Amino acid sequence: GDDVGVDIGSISVTSRVRVEGDDP
């Protein structure tokens, strides 16, 4: 994105399972 001239920000996406069998 820098090379083009477009700013692209950073993000952290975390995924964890609280109880086995549940959706993360």
mmCIF file of all heavy atoms, coordinates in Angstrom:
data_MODEL
# 
_entry.id   MODEL 
# 
loop_
_atom_site.group_PDB 
_atom_site.id 
_atom_site.type_symbol 
_atom_site.label_atom_id 
_atom_site.label_alt_id 
_atom_site.label_comp_id 
_atom_site.label_asym_id 
_atom_site.label_entity_id 
_atom_site.label_seq_id 
_atom_site.pdbx_PDB_ins_code 
_atom_site.Cartn_x 
_atom_site.Cartn_y 
_atom_site.Cartn_z 
_atom_site.occupancy 
_atom_site.B_iso_or_equiv 
_atom_site.pdbx_formal_charge 
_atom_site.auth_seq_id 
_atom_site.auth_comp_id 
_atom_site.auth_asym_id 
_atom_site.auth_atom_id 
_atom_site.pdbx_PDB_model_num 
ATOM 1   N N   . GLY A 1 1  ? 0.821   -1.203  0.000  1.00 0.00 ? 1  GLY A N   1 
ATOM 2   C CA  . GLY A 1 1  ? 0.000   0.000   0.000  1.00 0.00 ? 1  GLY A CA  1 
ATOM 3   C C   . GLY A 1 1  ? 0.857   1.255   0.000  1.00 0.00 ? 1  GLY A C   1 
ATOM 4   O O   . GLY A 1 1  ? 0.563   2.227   -0.698 1.00 0.00 ? 1  GLY A O   1 
ATOM 5   N N   . ASP A 1 2  ? 1.946   1.225   0.777  1.00 0.00 ? 2  ASP A N   1 
ATOM 6   C CA  . ASP A 1 2  ? 2.882   2.362   0.797  1.00 0.00 ? 2  ASP A CA  1 
ATOM 7   C C   . ASP A 1 2  ? 3.426   2.639   -0.598 1.00 0.00 ? 2  ASP A C   1 
ATOM 8   O O   . ASP A 1 2  ? 3.564   3.794   -1.011 1.00 0.00 ? 2  ASP A O   1 
ATOM 9   C CB  . ASP A 1 2  ? 4.044   2.072   1.749  1.00 0.00 ? 2  ASP A CB  1 
ATOM 10  C CG  . ASP A 1 2  ? 3.627   2.059   3.220  1.00 0.00 ? 2  ASP A CG  1 
ATOM 11  O OD1 . ASP A 1 2  ? 2.545   2.612   3.527  1.00 0.00 ? 2  ASP A OD1 1 
ATOM 12  O OD2 . ASP A 1 2  ? 4.382   1.507   4.039  1.00 0.00 ? 2  ASP A OD2 1 
ATOM 13  N N   . ASP A 1 3  ? 3.750   1.565   -1.326 1.00 0.00 ? 3  ASP A N   1 
ATOM 14  C CA  . ASP A 1 3  ? 4.316   1.722   -2.668 1.00 0.00 ? 3  ASP A CA  1 
ATOM 15  C C   . ASP A 1 3  ? 3.338   2.421   -3.610 1.00 0.00 ? 3  ASP A C   1 
ATOM 16  O O   . ASP A 1 3  ? 3.751   3.165   -4.500 1.00 0.00 ? 3  ASP A O   1 
ATOM 17  C CB  . ASP A 1 3  ? 4.702   0.362   -3.245 1.00 0.00 ? 3  ASP A CB  1 
ATOM 18  C CG  . ASP A 1 3  ? 5.871   -0.282  -2.502 1.00 0.00 ? 3  ASP A CG  1 
ATOM 19  O OD1 . ASP A 1 3  ? 6.600   0.451   -1.800 1.00 0.00 ? 3  ASP A OD1 1 
ATOM 20  O OD2 . ASP A 1 3  ? 6.036   -1.513  -2.610 1.00 0.00 ? 3  ASP A OD2 1 
ATOM 21  N N   . VAL A 1 4  ? 2.034   2.153   -3.395 1.00 0.00 ? 4  VAL A N   1 
ATOM 22  C CA  . VAL A 1 4  ? 1.009   2.765   -4.242 1.00 0.00 ? 4  VAL A CA  1 
ATOM 23  C C   . VAL A 1 4  ? 0.717   4.190   -3.795 1.00 0.00 ? 4  VAL A C   1 
ATOM 24  O O   . VAL A 1 4  ? 0.388   5.061   -4.601 1.00 0.00 ? 4  VAL A O   1 
ATOM 25  C CB  . VAL A 1 4  ? -0.281  1.913   -4.197 1.00 0.00 ? 4  VAL A CB  1 
ATOM 26  C CG1 . VAL A 1 4  ? -1.397  2.576   -4.990 1.00 0.00 ? 4  VAL A CG1 1 
ATOM 27  C CG2 . VAL A 1 4  ? -0.017  0.514   -4.715 1.00 0.00 ? 4  VAL A CG2 1 
ATOM 28  N N   . GLY A 1 5  ? 0.842   4.445   -2.478 1.00 0.00 ? 5  GLY A N   1 
ATOM 29  C CA  . GLY A 1 5  ? 0.472   5.734   -1.912 1.00 0.00 ? 5  GLY A CA  1 
ATOM 30  C C   . GLY A 1 5  ? -0.817  5.678   -1.130 1.00 0.00 ? 5  GLY A C   1 
ATOM 31  O O   . GLY A 1 5  ? -1.456  6.704   -0.872 1.00 0.00 ? 5  GLY A O   1 
ATOM 32  N N   . VAL A 1 6  ? -1.217  4.463   -0.738 1.00 0.00 ? 6  VAL A N   1 
ATOM 33  C CA  . VAL A 1 6  ? -2.454  4.247   0.005  1.00 0.00 ? 6  VAL A CA  1 
ATOM 34  C C   . VAL A 1 6  ? -2.107  3.739   1.397  1.00 0.00 ? 6  VAL A C   1 
ATOM 35  O O   . VAL A 1 6  ? -1.379  2.751   1.542  1.00 0.00 ? 6  VAL A O   1 
ATOM 36  C CB  . VAL A 1 6  ? -3.364  3.223   -0.713 1.00 0.00 ? 6  VAL A CB  1 
ATOM 37  C CG1 . VAL A 1 6  ? -4.579  2.903   0.139  1.00 0.00 ? 6  VAL A CG1 1 
ATOM 38  C CG2 . VAL A 1 6  ? -3.793  3.748   -2.074 1.00 0.00 ? 6  VAL A CG2 1 
ATOM 39  N N   . ASP A 1 7  ? -2.603  4.425   2.411  1.00 0.00 ? 7  ASP A N   1 
ATOM 40  C CA  . ASP A 1 7  ? -2.338  4.003   3.785  1.00 0.00 ? 7  ASP A CA  1 
ATOM 41  C C   . ASP A 1 7  ? -3.204  2.801   4.146  1.00 0.00 ? 7  ASP A C   1 
ATOM 42  O O   . ASP A 1 7  ? -4.429  2.828   3.968  1.00 0.00 ? 7  ASP A O   1 
ATOM 43  C CB  . ASP A 1 7  ? -2.628  5.146   4.761  1.00 0.00 ? 7  ASP A CB  1 
ATOM 44  C CG  . ASP A 1 7  ? -1.548  6.213   4.718  1.00 0.00 ? 7  ASP A CG  1 
ATOM 45  O OD1 . ASP A 1 7  ? -0.372  5.854   4.550  1.00 0.00 ? 7  ASP A OD1 1 
ATOM 46  O OD2 . ASP A 1 7  ? -1.890  7.400   4.844  1.00 0.00 ? 7  ASP A OD2 1 
ATOM 47  N N   . ILE A 1 8  ? -2.583  1.767   4.680  1.00 0.00 ? 8  ILE A N   1 
ATOM 48  C CA  . ILE A 1 8  ? -3.284  0.590   5.171  1.00 0.00 ? 8  ILE A CA  1 
ATOM 49  C C   . ILE A 1 8  ? -2.850  0.381   6.611  1.00 0.00 ? 8  ILE A C   1 
ATOM 50  O O   . ILE A 1 8  ? -1.668  0.197   6.896  1.00 0.00 ? 8  ILE A O   1 
ATOM 51  C CB  . ILE A 1 8  ? -2.978  -0.649  4.320  1.00 0.00 ? 8  ILE A CB  1 
ATOM 52  C CG1 . ILE A 1 8  ? -3.456  -0.415  2.878  1.00 0.00 ? 8  ILE A CG1 1 
ATOM 53  C CG2 . ILE A 1 8  ? -3.636  -1.886  4.901  1.00 0.00 ? 8  ILE A CG2 1 
ATOM 54  C CD1 . ILE A 1 8  ? -3.171  -1.557  1.942  1.00 0.00 ? 8  ILE A CD1 1 
ATOM 55  N N   . GLY A 1 9  ? -3.800  0.425   7.518  1.00 0.00 ? 9  GLY A N   1 
ATOM 56  C CA  . GLY A 1 9  ? -3.502  0.315   8.935  1.00 0.00 ? 9  GLY A CA  1 
ATOM 57  C C   . GLY A 1 9  ? -3.344  -1.134  9.375  1.00 0.00 ? 9  GLY A C   1 
ATOM 58  O O   . GLY A 1 9  ? -3.569  -2.077  8.615  1.00 0.00 ? 9  GLY A O   1 
ATOM 59  N N   . SER A 1 10 ? -2.943  -1.315  10.607 1.00 0.00 ? 10 SER A N   1 
ATOM 60  C CA  . SER A 1 10 ? -2.739  -2.658  11.152 1.00 0.00 ? 10 SER A CA  1 
ATOM 61  C C   . SER A 1 10 ? -3.903  -3.044  12.049 1.00 0.00 ? 10 SER A C   1 
ATOM 62  O O   . SER A 1 10 ? -4.569  -2.193  12.643 1.00 0.00 ? 10 SER A O   1 
ATOM 63  C CB  . SER A 1 10 ? -1.431  -2.716  11.946 1.00 0.00 ? 10 SER A CB  1 
ATOM 64  O OG  . SER A 1 10 ? -1.469  -1.814  13.033 1.00 0.00 ? 10 SER A OG  1 
ATOM 65  N N   . ILE A 1 11 ? -4.147  -4.341  12.128 1.00 0.00 ? 11 ILE A N   1 
ATOM 66  C CA  . ILE A 1 11 ? -5.203  -4.861  12.981 1.00 0.00 ? 11 ILE A CA  1 
ATOM 67  C C   . ILE A 1 11 ? -4.778  -6.220  13.509 1.00 0.00 ? 11 ILE A C   1 
ATOM 68  O O   . ILE A 1 11 ? -4.038  -6.964  12.839 1.00 0.00 ? 11 ILE A O   1 
ATOM 69  C CB  . ILE A 1 11 ? -6.544  -4.980  12.223 1.00 0.00 ? 11 ILE A CB  1 
ATOM 70  C CG1 . ILE A 1 11 ? -7.686  -5.244  13.212 1.00 0.00 ? 11 ILE A CG1 1 
ATOM 71  C CG2 . ILE A 1 11 ? -6.491  -6.064  11.148 1.00 0.00 ? 11 ILE A CG2 1 
ATOM 72  C CD1 . ILE A 1 11 ? -9.061  -5.086  12.599 1.00 0.00 ? 11 ILE A CD1 1 
ATOM 73  N N   . SER A 1 12 ? -5.203  -6.535  14.708 1.00 0.00 ? 12 SER A N   1 
ATOM 74  C CA  . SER A 1 12 ? -4.984  -7.848  15.291 1.00 0.00 ? 12 SER A CA  1 
ATOM 75  C C   . SER A 1 12 ? -6.349  -8.487  15.519 1.00 0.00 ? 12 SER A C   1 
ATOM 76  O O   . SER A 1 12 ? -7.222  -7.890  16.163 1.00 0.00 ? 12 SER A O   1 
ATOM 77  C CB  . SER A 1 12 ? -4.228  -7.733  16.624 1.00 0.00 ? 12 SER A CB  1 
ATOM 78  O OG  . SER A 1 12 ? -4.110  -8.999  17.248 1.00 0.00 ? 12 SER A OG  1 
ATOM 79  N N   . VAL A 1 13 ? -6.536  -9.668  14.955 1.00 0.00 ? 13 VAL A N   1 
ATOM 80  C CA  . VAL A 1 13 ? -7.787  -10.403 15.115 1.00 0.00 ? 13 VAL A CA  1 
ATOM 81  C C   . VAL A 1 13 ? -7.465  -11.703 15.838 1.00 0.00 ? 13 VAL A C   1 
ATOM 82  O O   . VAL A 1 13 ? -6.646  -12.495 15.366 1.00 0.00 ? 13 VAL A O   1 
ATOM 83  C CB  . VAL A 1 13 ? -8.451  -10.692 13.761 1.00 0.00 ? 13 VAL A CB  1 
ATOM 84  C CG1 . VAL A 1 13 ? -9.759  -11.468 13.955 1.00 0.00 ? 13 VAL A CG1 1 
ATOM 85  C CG2 . VAL A 1 13 ? -8.727  -9.388  13.016 1.00 0.00 ? 13 VAL A CG2 1 
ATOM 86  N N   . THR A 1 14 ? -8.066  -11.908 16.988 1.00 0.00 ? 14 THR A N   1 
ATOM 87  C CA  . THR A 1 14 ? -7.812  -13.118 17.765 1.00 0.00 ? 14 THR A CA  1 
ATOM 88  C C   . THR A 1 14 ? -9.064  -13.988 17.794 1.00 0.00 ? 14 THR A C   1 
ATOM 89  O O   . THR A 1 14 ? -10.186 -13.494 17.753 1.00 0.00 ? 14 THR A O   1 
ATOM 90  C CB  . THR A 1 14 ? -7.408  -12.784 19.206 1.00 0.00 ? 14 THR A CB  1 
ATOM 91  O OG1 . THR A 1 14 ? -8.465  -12.044 19.851 1.00 0.00 ? 14 THR A OG1 1 
ATOM 92  C CG2 . THR A 1 14 ? -6.142  -11.939 19.223 1.00 0.00 ? 14 THR A CG2 1 
ATOM 93  N N   . SER A 1 15 ? -8.852  -15.284 17.851 1.00 0.00 ? 15 SER A N   1 
ATOM 94  C CA  . SER A 1 15 ? -9.952  -16.241 17.888 1.00 0.00 ? 15 SER A CA  1 
ATOM 95  C C   . SER A 1 15 ? -9.638  -17.301 18.920 1.00 0.00 ? 15 SER A C   1 
ATOM 96  O O   . SER A 1 15 ? -8.563  -17.912 18.892 1.00 0.00 ? 15 SER A O   1 
ATOM 97  C CB  . SER A 1 15 ? -10.134 -16.887 16.507 1.00 0.00 ? 15 SER A CB  1 
ATOM 98  O OG  . SER A 1 15 ? -11.152 -17.857 16.530 1.00 0.00 ? 15 SER A OG  1 
ATOM 99  N N   . ARG A 1 16 ? -10.558 -17.503 19.866 1.00 0.00 ? 16 ARG A N   1 
ATOM 100 C CA  . ARG A 1 16 ? -10.336 -18.538 20.877 1.00 0.00 ? 16 ARG A CA  1 
ATOM 101 C C   . ARG A 1 16 ? -11.650 -19.209 21.234 1.00 0.00 ? 16 ARG A C   1 
ATOM 102 O O   . ARG A 1 16 ? -12.723 -18.599 21.160 1.00 0.00 ? 16 ARG A O   1 
ATOM 103 C CB  . ARG A 1 16 ? -9.687  -17.959 22.138 1.00 0.00 ? 16 ARG A CB  1 
ATOM 104 C CG  . ARG A 1 16 ? -10.539 -16.979 22.922 1.00 0.00 ? 16 ARG A CG  1 
ATOM 105 C CD  . ARG A 1 16 ? -9.733  -16.331 24.042 1.00 0.00 ? 16 ARG A CD  1 
ATOM 106 N NE  . ARG A 1 16 ? -10.532 -15.407 24.836 1.00 0.00 ? 16 ARG A NE  1 
ATOM 107 C CZ  . ARG A 1 16 ? -11.173 -15.741 25.956 1.00 0.00 ? 16 ARG A CZ  1 
ATOM 108 N NH1 . ARG A 1 16 ? -11.097 -16.988 26.409 1.00 0.00 ? 16 ARG A NH1 1 
ATOM 109 N NH2 . ARG A 1 16 ? -11.872 -14.850 26.625 1.00 0.00 ? 16 ARG A NH2 1 
ATOM 110 N N   . VAL A 1 17 ? -11.565 -20.475 21.611 1.00 0.00 ? 17 VAL A N   1 
ATOM 111 C CA  . VAL A 1 17 ? -12.734 -21.262 21.996 1.00 0.00 ? 17 VAL A CA  1 
ATOM 112 C C   . VAL A 1 17 ? -12.805 -21.309 23.513 1.00 0.00 ? 17 VAL A C   1 
ATOM 113 O O   . VAL A 1 17 ? -11.862 -21.736 24.176 1.00 0.00 ? 17 VAL A O   1 
ATOM 114 C CB  . VAL A 1 17 ? -12.659 -22.690 21.408 1.00 0.00 ? 17 VAL A CB  1 
ATOM 115 C CG1 . VAL A 1 17 ? -13.862 -23.507 21.869 1.00 0.00 ? 17 VAL A CG1 1 
ATOM 116 C CG2 . VAL A 1 17 ? -12.600 -22.643 19.899 1.00 0.00 ? 17 VAL A CG2 1 
ATOM 117 N N   . ARG A 1 18 ? -13.904 -20.837 24.072 1.00 0.00 ? 18 ARG A N   1 
ATOM 118 C CA  . ARG A 1 18 ? -14.055 -20.812 25.529 1.00 0.00 ? 18 ARG A CA  1 
ATOM 119 C C   . ARG A 1 18 ? -14.412 -22.186 26.082 1.00 0.00 ? 18 ARG A C   1 
ATOM 120 O O   . ARG A 1 18 ? -13.872 -22.630 27.085 1.00 0.00 ? 18 ARG A O   1 
ATOM 121 C CB  . ARG A 1 18 ? -15.133 -19.798 25.916 1.00 0.00 ? 18 ARG A CB  1 
ATOM 122 C CG  . ARG A 1 18 ? -14.765 -18.355 25.581 1.00 0.00 ? 18 ARG A CG  1 
ATOM 123 C CD  . ARG A 1 18 ? -15.860 -17.405 25.942 1.00 0.00 ? 18 ARG A CD  1 
ATOM 124 N NE  . ARG A 1 18 ? -15.480 -16.017 25.684 1.00 0.00 ? 18 ARG A NE  1 
ATOM 125 C CZ  . ARG A 1 18 ? -16.286 -14.977 25.847 1.00 0.00 ? 18 ARG A CZ  1 
ATOM 126 N NH1 . ARG A 1 18 ? -17.535 -15.165 26.265 1.00 0.00 ? 18 ARG A NH1 1 
ATOM 127 N NH2 . ARG A 1 18 ? -15.856 -13.745 25.590 1.00 0.00 ? 18 ARG A NH2 1 
ATOM 128 N N   . VAL A 1 19 ? -15.351 -22.863 25.410 1.00 0.00 ? 19 VAL A N   1 
ATOM 129 C CA  . VAL A 1 19 ? -15.775 -24.201 25.818 1.00 0.00 ? 19 VAL A CA  1 
ATOM 130 C C   . VAL A 1 19 ? -15.727 -25.100 24.598 1.00 0.00 ? 19 VAL A C   1 
ATOM 131 O O   . VAL A 1 19 ? -16.155 -24.698 23.512 1.00 0.00 ? 19 VAL A O   1 
ATOM 132 C CB  . VAL A 1 19 ? -17.202 -24.182 26.414 1.00 0.00 ? 19 VAL A CB  1 
ATOM 133 C CG1 . VAL A 1 19 ? -17.630 -25.594 26.812 1.00 0.00 ? 19 VAL A CG1 1 
ATOM 134 C CG2 . VAL A 1 19 ? -17.281 -23.241 27.601 1.00 0.00 ? 19 VAL A CG2 1 
ATOM 135 N N   . GLU A 1 20 ? -15.209 -26.299 24.751 1.00 0.00 ? 20 GLU A N   1 
ATOM 136 C CA  . GLU A 1 20 ? -15.087 -27.211 23.626 1.00 0.00 ? 20 GLU A CA  1 
ATOM 137 C C   . GLU A 1 20 ? -16.441 -27.427 22.958 1.00 0.00 ? 20 GLU A C   1 
ATOM 138 O O   . GLU A 1 20 ? -17.443 -27.684 23.605 1.00 0.00 ? 20 GLU A O   1 
ATOM 139 C CB  . GLU A 1 20 ? -14.517 -28.555 24.091 1.00 0.00 ? 20 GLU A CB  1 
ATOM 140 C CG  . GLU A 1 20 ? -14.230 -29.517 22.946 1.00 0.00 ? 20 GLU A CG  1 
ATOM 141 C CD  . GLU A 1 20 ? -13.570 -30.800 23.425 1.00 0.00 ? 20 GLU A CD  1 
ATOM 142 O OE1 . GLU A 1 20 ? -13.256 -30.903 24.626 1.00 0.00 ? 20 GLU A OE1 1 
ATOM 143 O OE2 . GLU A 1 20 ? -13.384 -31.691 22.576 1.00 0.00 ? 20 GLU A OE2 1 
ATOM 144 N N   . GLY A 1 21 ? -16.444 -27.272 21.644 1.00 0.00 ? 21 GLY A N   1 
ATOM 145 C CA  . GLY A 1 21 ? -17.685 -27.431 20.891 1.00 0.00 ? 21 GLY A CA  1 
ATOM 146 C C   . GLY A 1 21 ? -18.395 -26.125 20.605 1.00 0.00 ? 21 GLY A C   1 
ATOM 147 O O   . GLY A 1 21 ? -19.263 -26.066 19.741 1.00 0.00 ? 21 GLY A O   1 
ATOM 148 N N   . ASP A 1 22 ? -18.037 -25.056 21.347 1.00 0.00 ? 22 ASP A N   1 
ATOM 149 C CA  . ASP A 1 22 ? -18.647 -23.745 21.104 1.00 0.00 ? 22 ASP A CA  1 
ATOM 150 C C   . ASP A 1 22 ? -18.022 -23.077 19.883 1.00 0.00 ? 22 ASP A C   1 
ATOM 151 O O   . ASP A 1 22 ? -16.928 -23.433 19.456 1.00 0.00 ? 22 ASP A O   1 
ATOM 152 C CB  . ASP A 1 22 ? -18.463 -22.829 22.320 1.00 0.00 ? 22 ASP A CB  1 
ATOM 153 C CG  . ASP A 1 22 ? -19.411 -23.169 23.456 1.00 0.00 ? 22 ASP A CG  1 
ATOM 154 O OD1 . ASP A 1 22 ? -20.266 -24.060 23.264 1.00 0.00 ? 22 ASP A OD1 1 
ATOM 155 O OD2 . ASP A 1 22 ? -19.288 -22.556 24.528 1.00 0.00 ? 22 ASP A OD2 1 
ATOM 156 N N   . ASP A 1 23 ? -18.733 -22.071 19.376 1.00 0.00 ? 23 ASP A N   1 
ATOM 157 C CA  . ASP A 1 23 ? -18.143 -21.242 18.327 1.00 0.00 ? 23 ASP A CA  1 
ATOM 158 C C   . ASP A 1 23 ? -16.987 -20.449 18.920 1.00 0.00 ? 23 ASP A C   1 
ATOM 159 O O   . ASP A 1 23 ? -17.051 -20.014 20.073 1.00 0.00 ? 23 ASP A O   1 
ATOM 160 C CB  . ASP A 1 23 ? -19.180 -20.259 17.770 1.00 0.00 ? 23 ASP A CB  1 
ATOM 161 C CG  . ASP A 1 23 ? -20.285 -20.948 16.994 1.00 0.00 ? 23 ASP A CG  1 
ATOM 162 O OD1 . ASP A 1 23 ? -19.987 -21.949 16.313 1.00 0.00 ? 23 ASP A OD1 1 
ATOM 163 O OD2 . ASP A 1 23 ? -21.435 -20.494 17.071 1.00 0.00 ? 23 ASP A OD2 1 
ATOM 164 N N   . PRO A 1 24 ? -15.933 -20.227 18.146 1.00 0.00 ? 24 PRO A N   1 
ATOM 165 C CA  . PRO A 1 24 ? -14.828 -19.405 18.651 1.00 0.00 ? 24 PRO A CA  1 
ATOM 166 C C   . PRO A 1 24 ? -15.269 -17.970 18.861 1.00 0.00 ? 24 PRO A C   1 
ATOM 167 O O   . PRO A 1 24 ? -16.135 -17.447 18.139 1.00 0.00 ? 24 PRO A O   1 
ATOM 168 C CB  . PRO A 1 24 ? -13.765 -19.510 17.550 1.00 0.00 ? 24 PRO A CB  1 
ATOM 169 C CG  . PRO A 1 24 ? -14.536 -19.862 16.315 1.00 0.00 ? 24 PRO A CG  1 
ATOM 170 C CD  . PRO A 1 24 ? -15.684 -20.698 16.769 1.00 0.00 ? 24 PRO A CD  1 
# 
